[in-house]
Amino acid sequence: LVSMQFLQILSRKPGSLEVLFQIPFCQKQFPYTCLSTSACVYSKKKKGNSYEHVDQEKYKNLVHSVTSYKTSAQTPETILEEDNLLYGPPAKHRPPIKAGSKTPKNWVPLINPSKRILPLSSDSNVPMKIGLQRTKMPSVTRILQQTLSPQQVFYLERWKQKMIEELGKEGFEEYTKNLFLQGELFHSALESIFLSEDTAGRDQGEDDVVAGYLSSVEHVLEDISEVKALESGVHHETLQYLGLVDCVAKYRGQLCVIDWKTSEKPKPFLQNTYDNPLQVAAYIGAINHDANYDFQVRCGLIVVAYKNGSPAHPHFMDPDLCSQYWNKWLLRLEEYMDK
């Protein structure tokens, strides 16, 4: 009974210890000096926890995470060890190399370091026009056509089949024939403009065909000056390929290889022009390594004209961009040679 009474007193608040000192048997078993020290300890108020007033049920998970927080004993080494145990060691392999980042085996610079560059002058108003030599060297167009990716071939074939379903086989042949004819007439009209020839004598039918294209490129022609070459043949003496350049002239003060394209669909971005940038880069490299030309080119321009007269989209290629497409062209050239 005495033991139970003693435990009940201890379970009360610290202030109730004064009752304990008045009990005779406690004075005998526990000296006052000892109990006074204990009373001092128990009389300290426990520091309040602000989270005790929080709705425990409502924020049970949050309160538990805050009150039970401890600094993690993990280190980078233990984390790596745990990852190795769960997922195995990290795979030590190089990421796949993109086609554009590959280095050509037979790399030739875009700019010819040994070529003598004469100062550009506008004294001569007659652009160069060198005939295309028919040799065994492949053309730029042929090389690009023979090295199309499987995806390009798939989409090209799907477009062809769709057009044949709509127009019939003969209708599709007539359609492609007209496209080539319109392109030739458009290039001829531009050549006449650059040569300042009298266009009044041209057939009225030709005017109707190219009128929309000429209206489309009108704002671009205002930025073109100092035409150096028109419909001129070029060949790369080292890499042995050839091509026919539409135009070499200054565009907003920068000497460029200019490629004129016609399209029925808008092509507002350079990537919409597919392999045309590679073609321009190939022509730039050929001019720079062709002894017939006493100048070098570092920039390119692709102009997409529209038959309905909508403003053409000019896509300017600065030297850095031309160098990137030059590397891609060299890879396509190597692929063609391997075949």
Foldseek 3Di string as FASTA:
>chain_A
DVVVVVVVQVPDQLVSCVVVVVDVVSCVVPPPVRVVVVSVVRVDDDDDDPCVPPPCVVCVVVSCCVVVDDDDPDDPVVVQVVCCVVPNHDDPDDDDDDLLPDFFPPDDDLADPPAAADDDDLPDLDADAADADDDPFAALVVLCVVLDDPVVVVVVVVVLVVVCVVQNPVRSVVVVVVQVVLVVLLLVVVVCVSSVHDPPPDDPVSCLSCVLQCLQCVVQVVQWDSWHHAQHKFAAPPLRYIYTFHTWTDGNRATAREAEAEDADDDQDPVSVPCVLLNRLVVQSRLSRGPVHNHHHQKYWYWYTYRNNHHIHIDIGGNVNSRSSPRSNSVSSVVSVVD
